C-alpha atoms as a PDB file:
ATOM      1  CA  MET A   1      77.284 117.033  33.084  1.00  0.00           C
ATOM      2  CA  THR A   2      74.926 114.320  34.361  1.00  0.00           C
ATOM      3  CA  ARG A   3      75.268 110.772  33.220  1.00  0.00           C
ATOM      4  CA  SER A   4      72.880 109.474  30.617  1.00  0.00           C
ATOM      5  CA  PRO A   5      71.328 106.225  31.818  1.00  0.00           C
ATOM      6  CA  LEU A   6      71.994 104.386  28.513  1.00  0.00           C
ATOM      7  CA  PRO A   7      75.830 104.445  28.643  1.00  0.00           C
ATOM      8  CA  VAL A   8      75.773 103.551  32.347  1.00  0.00           C
ATOM      9  CA  LEU A   9      73.411 100.663  31.692  1.00  0.00           C
ATOM     10  CA  ALA A  10      75.501  99.602  28.677  1.00  0.00           C
ATOM     11  CA  ALA A  11      78.706  99.647  30.757  1.00  0.00           C
ATOM     12  CA  ARG A  12      77.148  97.537  33.495  1.00  0.00           C
ATOM     13  CA  ALA A  13      75.711  95.142  30.907  1.00  0.00           C
ATOM     14  CA  ALA A  14      79.138  94.955  29.196  1.00  0.00           C
ATOM     15  CA  ALA A  15      80.705  94.067  32.552  1.00  0.00           C
ATOM     16  CA  ALA A  16      78.081  91.367  33.125  1.00  0.00           C
ATOM     17  CA  TRP A  17      78.590  90.117  29.546  1.00  0.00           C
ATOM     18  CA  SER A  18      82.353  89.867  30.156  1.00  0.00           C
ATOM     19  CA  ALA A  19      81.960  88.108  33.500  1.00  0.00           C
ATOM     20  CA  LEU A  20      79.487  85.634  32.001  1.00  0.00           C
ATOM     21  CA  PHE A  21      81.813  84.934  29.089  1.00  0.00           C
ATOM     22  CA  ALA A  22      84.735  84.399  31.498  1.00  0.00           C
ATOM     23  CA  LEU A  23      82.625  81.871  33.419  1.00  0.00           C
ATOM     24  CA  VAL A  24      81.624  80.077  30.194  1.00  0.00           C
ATOM     25  CA  HIS A  25      85.272  79.789  29.153  1.00  0.00           C
ATOM     26  CA  LEU A  26      86.229  78.561  32.621  1.00  0.00           C
ATOM     27  CA  TYR A  27      83.433  75.973  32.465  1.00  0.00           C
ATOM     28  CA  TRP A  28      84.710  74.749  29.077  1.00  0.00           C
ATOM     29  CA  LEU A  29      88.275  74.640  30.448  1.00  0.00           C
ATOM     30  CA  LEU A  30      87.075  72.407  33.263  1.00  0.00           C
ATOM     31  CA  GLY A  31      85.618  69.961  30.723  1.00  0.00           C
ATOM     32  CA  GLY A  32      82.070  71.275  30.404  1.00  0.00           C
ATOM     33  CA  ARG A  33      80.378  70.704  27.059  1.00  0.00           C
ATOM     34  CA  VAL A  34      77.074  72.587  27.286  1.00  0.00           C
ATOM     35  CA  GLY A  35      76.953  75.288  24.632  1.00  0.00           C
ATOM     36  CA  LEU A  36      79.451  73.523  22.367  1.00  0.00           C
ATOM     37  CA  PRO A  37      78.630  71.473  19.265  1.00  0.00           C
ATOM     38  CA  ASP A  38      78.566  67.723  20.007  1.00  0.00           C
ATOM     39  CA  GLU A  39      81.799  66.998  18.148  1.00  0.00           C
ATOM     40  CA  LEU A  40      83.749  69.797  19.852  1.00  0.00           C
ATOM     41  CA  SER A  41      85.706  69.568  23.095  1.00  0.00           C
ATOM     42  CA  VAL A  42      87.988  72.333  24.293  1.00  0.00           C
ATOM     43  CA  LEU A  43      90.228  69.870  26.120  1.00  0.00           C
ATOM     44  CA  ASP A  44      90.769  67.790  22.961  1.00  0.00           C
ATOM     45  CA  ASN A  45      91.544  70.794  20.751  1.00  0.00           C
ATOM     46  CA  THR A  46      94.847  72.547  21.538  1.00  0.00           C
ATOM     47  CA  PRO A  47      94.056  75.834  19.717  1.00  0.00           C
ATOM     48  CA  LEU A  48      90.705  76.130  21.518  1.00  0.00           C
ATOM     49  CA  LEU A  49      92.358  75.244  24.812  1.00  0.00           C
ATOM     50  CA  VAL A  50      94.885  78.059  24.345  1.00  0.00           C
ATOM     51  CA  VAL A  51      92.082  80.477  23.408  1.00  0.00           C
ATOM     52  CA  ASP A  52      90.092  79.537  26.508  1.00  0.00           C
ATOM     53  CA  VAL A  53      93.114  79.863  28.808  1.00  0.00           C
ATOM     54  CA  ALA A  54      93.681  83.379  27.442  1.00  0.00           C
ATOM     55  CA  ALA A  55      89.982  84.287  27.354  1.00  0.00           C
ATOM     56  CA  VAL A  56      89.329  83.967  31.093  1.00  0.00           C
ATOM     57  CA  PRO A  57      91.713  86.746  32.250  1.00  0.00           C
ATOM     58  CA  LEU A  58      90.940  88.866  29.165  1.00  0.00           C
ATOM     59  CA  CYS A  59      87.222  88.697  29.929  1.00  0.00           C
ATOM     60  CA  ALA A  60      87.920  89.600  33.568  1.00  0.00           C
ATOM     61  CA  ALA A  61      89.967  92.610  32.407  1.00  0.00           C
ATOM     62  CA  ALA A  62      87.162  93.606  30.035  1.00  0.00           C
ATOM     63  CA  ALA A  63      84.652  93.463  32.907  1.00  0.00           C
ATOM     64  CA  ALA A  64      86.895  95.721  35.006  1.00  0.00           C
ATOM     65  CA  THR A  65      87.271  98.118  32.061  1.00  0.00           C
ATOM     66  CA  ALA A  66      83.506  98.344  31.599  1.00  0.00           C
ATOM     67  CA  LEU A  67      82.946  99.009  35.301  1.00  0.00           C
ATOM     68  CA  ALA A  68      85.733 101.600  35.363  1.00  0.00           C
ATOM     69  CA  LEU A  69      83.800 103.625  32.785  1.00  0.00           C
ATOM     70  CA  VAL A  70      80.987 104.263  35.285  1.00  0.00           C
ATOM     71  CA  SER A  71      82.479 103.693  38.738  1.00  0.00           C
ATOM     72  CA  PRO A  72      84.084 106.379  40.918  1.00  0.00           C
ATOM     73  CA  TRP A  73      87.313 104.343  41.141  1.00  0.00           C
ATOM     74  CA  GLY A  74      87.523 104.459  37.339  1.00  0.00           C
ATOM     75  CA  ALA A  75      88.352 108.171  37.556  1.00  0.00           C
ATOM     76  CA  ARG A  76      91.835 107.171  38.778  1.00  0.00           C
ATOM     77  CA  ILE A  77      92.569 105.557  35.407  1.00  0.00           C
ATOM     78  CA  PRO A  78      93.760 107.973  32.712  1.00  0.00           C
ATOM     79  CA  ARG A  79      90.712 108.821  30.609  1.00  0.00           C
ATOM     80  CA  ARG A  80      92.326 108.235  27.220  1.00  0.00           C
ATOM     81  CA  ARG A  81      93.740 104.882  28.259  1.00  0.00           C
ATOM     82  CA  LEU A  82      90.382 103.747  29.619  1.00  0.00           C
ATOM     83  CA  LEU A  83      88.479 104.855  26.522  1.00  0.00           C
ATOM     84  CA  LEU A  84      91.090 103.271  24.271  1.00  0.00           C
ATOM     85  CA  ALA A  85      90.711  99.951  26.104  1.00  0.00           C
ATOM     86  CA  ALA A  86      86.899 100.086  25.940  1.00  0.00           C
ATOM     87  CA  ARG A  87      86.842 101.069  22.266  1.00  0.00           C
ATOM     88  CA  ALA A  88      89.442  98.456  21.334  1.00  0.00           C
ATOM     89  CA  THR A  89      87.334  95.835  23.112  1.00  0.00           C
ATOM     90  CA  ALA A  90      84.243  96.978  21.203  1.00  0.00           C
ATOM     91  CA  LEU A  91      86.096  96.866  17.899  1.00  0.00           C
ATOM     92  CA  LEU A  92      87.596  93.429  18.567  1.00  0.00           C
ATOM     93  CA  LEU A  93      84.223  91.931  19.476  1.00  0.00           C
ATOM     94  CA  ILE A  94      82.390  93.459  16.508  1.00  0.00           C
ATOM     95  CA  VAL A  95      85.116  92.420  14.057  1.00  0.00           C
ATOM     96  CA  HIS A  96      85.010  88.898  15.518  1.00  0.00           C
ATOM     97  CA  ALA A  97      81.292  88.664  14.674  1.00  0.00           C
ATOM     98  CA  ALA A  98      81.619  90.189  11.189  1.00  0.00           C
ATOM     99  CA  PRO A  99      82.263  86.918   9.284  1.00  0.00           C
ATOM    100  CA  SER A 100      78.768  85.724  10.273  1.00  0.00           C
ATOM    101  CA  VAL A 101      77.040  88.720   8.676  1.00  0.00           C
ATOM    102  CA  PRO A 102      76.716  87.018   5.243  1.00  0.00           C
ATOM    103  CA  ASP A 103      75.096  83.980   6.891  1.00  0.00           C
ATOM    104  CA  TRP A 104      72.710  86.224   8.839  1.00  0.00           C
ATOM    105  CA  ALA A 105      71.821  88.133   5.670  1.00  0.00           C
ATOM    106  CA  ALA A 106      71.283  84.936   3.644  1.00  0.00           C
ATOM    107  CA  LEU A 107      69.054  83.518   6.382  1.00  0.00           C
ATOM    108  CA  ALA A 108      67.099  86.773   6.765  1.00  0.00           C
ATOM    109  CA  LEU A 109      66.547  87.044   2.998  1.00  0.00           C
ATOM    110  CA  GLY A 110      65.463  83.405   2.709  1.00  0.00           C
ATOM    111  CA  ARG A 111      68.389  82.485   0.460  1.00  0.00           C
ATOM    112  CA  ARG A 112      69.523  79.928   2.990  1.00  0.00           C
ATOM    113  CA  SER A 113      67.827  77.949   5.735  1.00  0.00           C
ATOM    114  CA  ALA A 114      69.127  76.713   9.066  1.00  0.00           C
ATOM    115  CA  ALA A 115      68.874  73.165   7.697  1.00  0.00           C
ATOM    116  CA  ASP A 116      71.624  74.065   5.171  1.00  0.00           C
ATOM    117  CA  LEU A 117      74.127  74.809   7.946  1.00  0.00           C
ATOM    118  CA  ASP A 118      76.389  72.210   9.552  1.00  0.00           C
ATOM    119  CA  ALA A 119      76.528  71.965  13.362  1.00  0.00           C
ATOM    120  CA  MET A 120      79.580  74.217  13.717  1.00  0.00           C
ATOM    121  CA  THR A 121      78.125  76.913  11.436  1.00  0.00           C
ATOM    122  CA  CYS A 122      74.815  76.785  13.340  1.00  0.00           C
ATOM    123  CA  PHE A 123      76.730  77.182  16.607  1.00  0.00           C
ATOM    124  CA  ALA A 124      78.641  80.189  15.251  1.00  0.00           C
ATOM    125  CA  THR A 125      75.699  81.796  13.434  1.00  0.00           C
ATOM    126  CA  PHE A 126      73.014  81.484  16.094  1.00  0.00           C
ATOM    127  CA  LEU A 127      74.885  81.465  19.402  1.00  0.00           C
ATOM    128  CA  TYR A 128      78.547  82.349  19.448  1.00  0.00           C
ATOM    129  CA  GLU A 129      78.855  85.256  17.008  1.00  0.00           C
ATOM    130  CA  PRO A 130      75.644  87.051  18.063  1.00  0.00           C
ATOM    131  CA  PHE A 131      77.024  86.924  21.608  1.00  0.00           C
ATOM    132  CA  PHE A 132      80.235  88.602  20.393  1.00  0.00           C
ATOM    133  CA  LEU A 133      78.246  91.225  18.495  1.00  0.00           C
ATOM    134  CA  ALA A 134      76.104  91.996  21.552  1.00  0.00           C
ATOM    135  CA  GLY A 135      79.222  92.450  23.694  1.00  0.00           C
ATOM    136  CA  GLY A 136      80.813  94.694  21.076  1.00  0.00           C
ATOM    137  CA  LEU A 137      77.746  96.896  20.840  1.00  0.00           C
ATOM    138  CA  LEU A 138      77.518  97.171  24.636  1.00  0.00           C
ATOM    139  CA  PHE A 139      81.176  98.215  24.895  1.00  0.00           C
ATOM    140  CA  ALA A 140      80.719 100.719  22.048  1.00  0.00           C
ATOM    141  CA  LEU A 141      77.675 102.304  23.719  1.00  0.00           C
ATOM    142  CA  ALA A 142      79.492 102.464  27.047  1.00  0.00           C
ATOM    143  CA  ALA A 143      82.743 103.893  25.643  1.00  0.00           C
ATOM    144  CA  PHE A 144      81.229 106.481  23.337  1.00  0.00           C
ATOM    145  CA  GLY A 145      78.624 107.370  25.964  1.00  0.00           C
ATOM    146  CA  ARG A 146      81.393 108.109  28.444  1.00  0.00           C
ATOM    147  CA  ALA A 147      83.139 110.369  25.926  1.00  0.00           C
ATOM    148  CA  ALA A 148      79.876 112.164  25.198  1.00  0.00           C
ATOM    149  CA  ARG A 149      79.498 113.076  28.884  1.00  0.00           C
ATOM    150  CA  ARG A 150      82.105 115.758  28.366  1.00  0.00           C
ATOM    151  CA  GLY A 151      79.804 117.610  25.992  1.00  0.00           C
ATOM    152  CA  PRO A 152      78.651 117.625  22.381  1.00  0.00           C
ATOM    153  CA  GLY A 153      81.318 116.557  19.940  1.00  0.00           C
ATOM    154  CA  ALA A 154      83.643 115.132  22.613  1.00  0.00           C
ATOM    155  CA  ALA A 155      83.508 111.637  21.154  1.00  0.00           C
ATOM    156  CA  ARG A 156      84.306 112.930  17.655  1.00  0.00           C
ATOM    157  CA  ARG A 157      87.148 115.089  18.974  1.00  0.00           C
ATOM    158  CA  GLN A 158      88.615 112.189  20.925  1.00  0.00           C
ATOM    159  CA  VAL A 159      88.484 109.896  17.905  1.00  0.00           C
ATOM    160  CA  ALA A 160      90.170 112.578  15.759  1.00  0.00           C
ATOM    161  CA  VAL A 161      92.816 113.360  18.381  1.00  0.00           C
ATOM    162  CA  GLY A 162      93.373 109.646  18.993  1.00  0.00           C
ATOM    163  CA  ALA A 163      93.858 108.976  15.289  1.00  0.00           C
ATOM    164  CA  ALA A 164      96.200 111.944  14.894  1.00  0.00           C
ATOM    165  CA  GLY A 165      98.100 110.965  18.034  1.00  0.00           C
ATOM    166  CA  ALA A 166      98.488 107.426  16.779  1.00  0.00           C
ATOM    167  CA  ALA A 167     100.042 108.859  13.639  1.00  0.00           C
ATOM    168  CA  GLY A 168     102.418 110.954  15.774  1.00  0.00           C
ATOM    169  CA  ALA A 169     100.923 114.234  14.632  1.00  0.00           C
ATOM    170  CA  VAL A 170      99.805 115.590  18.002  1.00  0.00           C
ATOM    171  CA  GLN A 171     101.895 116.463  21.016  1.00  0.00           C
ATOM    172  CA  PRO A 172      99.867 116.865  24.233  1.00  0.00           C
ATOM    173  CA  ALA A 173      99.550 120.489  25.359  1.00  0.00           C
ATOM    174  CA  SER A 174     101.084 119.689  28.761  1.00  0.00           C
ATOM    175  CA  ARG A 175     104.156 118.327  27.012  1.00  0.00           C
ATOM    176  CA  ARG A 176     104.448 121.420  24.806  1.00  0.00           C
ATOM    177  CA  ARG A 177     104.240 123.653  27.881  1.00  0.00           C
ATOM    178  CA  ALA A 178     106.845 121.569  29.728  1.00  0.00           C
ATOM    179  CA  SER A 179     109.189 121.738  26.737  1.00  0.00           C
ATOM    180  CA  ALA A 180     108.794 125.515  26.535  1.00  0.00           C
ATOM    181  CA  VAL A 181     109.599 125.920  30.235  1.00  0.00           C
ATOM    182  CA  GLU A 182     112.593 123.565  30.161  1.00  0.00           C
ATOM    183  CA  GLU A 183     114.119 124.940  26.967  1.00  0.00           C
ATOM    184  CA  PRO A 184     113.278 128.643  26.710  1.00  0.00           C
ATOM    185  CA  GLY A 185     116.061 129.370  24.209  1.00  0.00           C
ATOM    186  CA  SER A 186     115.467 126.282  22.079  1.00  0.00           C
ATOM    187  CA  THR A 187     115.240 126.851  18.328  1.00  0.00           C
ATOM    188  CA  GLU A 188     112.901 123.907  17.764  1.00  0.00           C
END
């Protein structure tokens, strides 16, 4: 099946998003302040420092995951593991942005204005959280687009099998066959 250009573009954009975010976190770790509210410094805030130290390699891993979805070398990574990583990344990023949805809705409906927001809320509402949401949507398009390349319904089947497997309800067919060969007289 040929690749649809949208998932390929989304995967490449997700990789670029991840690399850019890694560079931003590295910049903040090195003392940079652009993009942060005036009163905020990563170096003076231990929790943010820890987050930034962890974010740089996580963003690099996310970039590699996104590229693996559409690169020939990505075929060496087990498909389920790769899709799980991409979908988990999408979910994490979207869930991270979710707390800003009420602010976005209030602003869009005119129930609140930007003047009502403090500096930190403005930073989160207009810059930080939309960036997370964009990354999450890119990873979702890339991951589900890759699953769809196998044919109609592949993404739905993989989600169903993944959920059942997580619950311990599914044993891979290759494992069932291996068990049958190893234990022909087994009563299980």
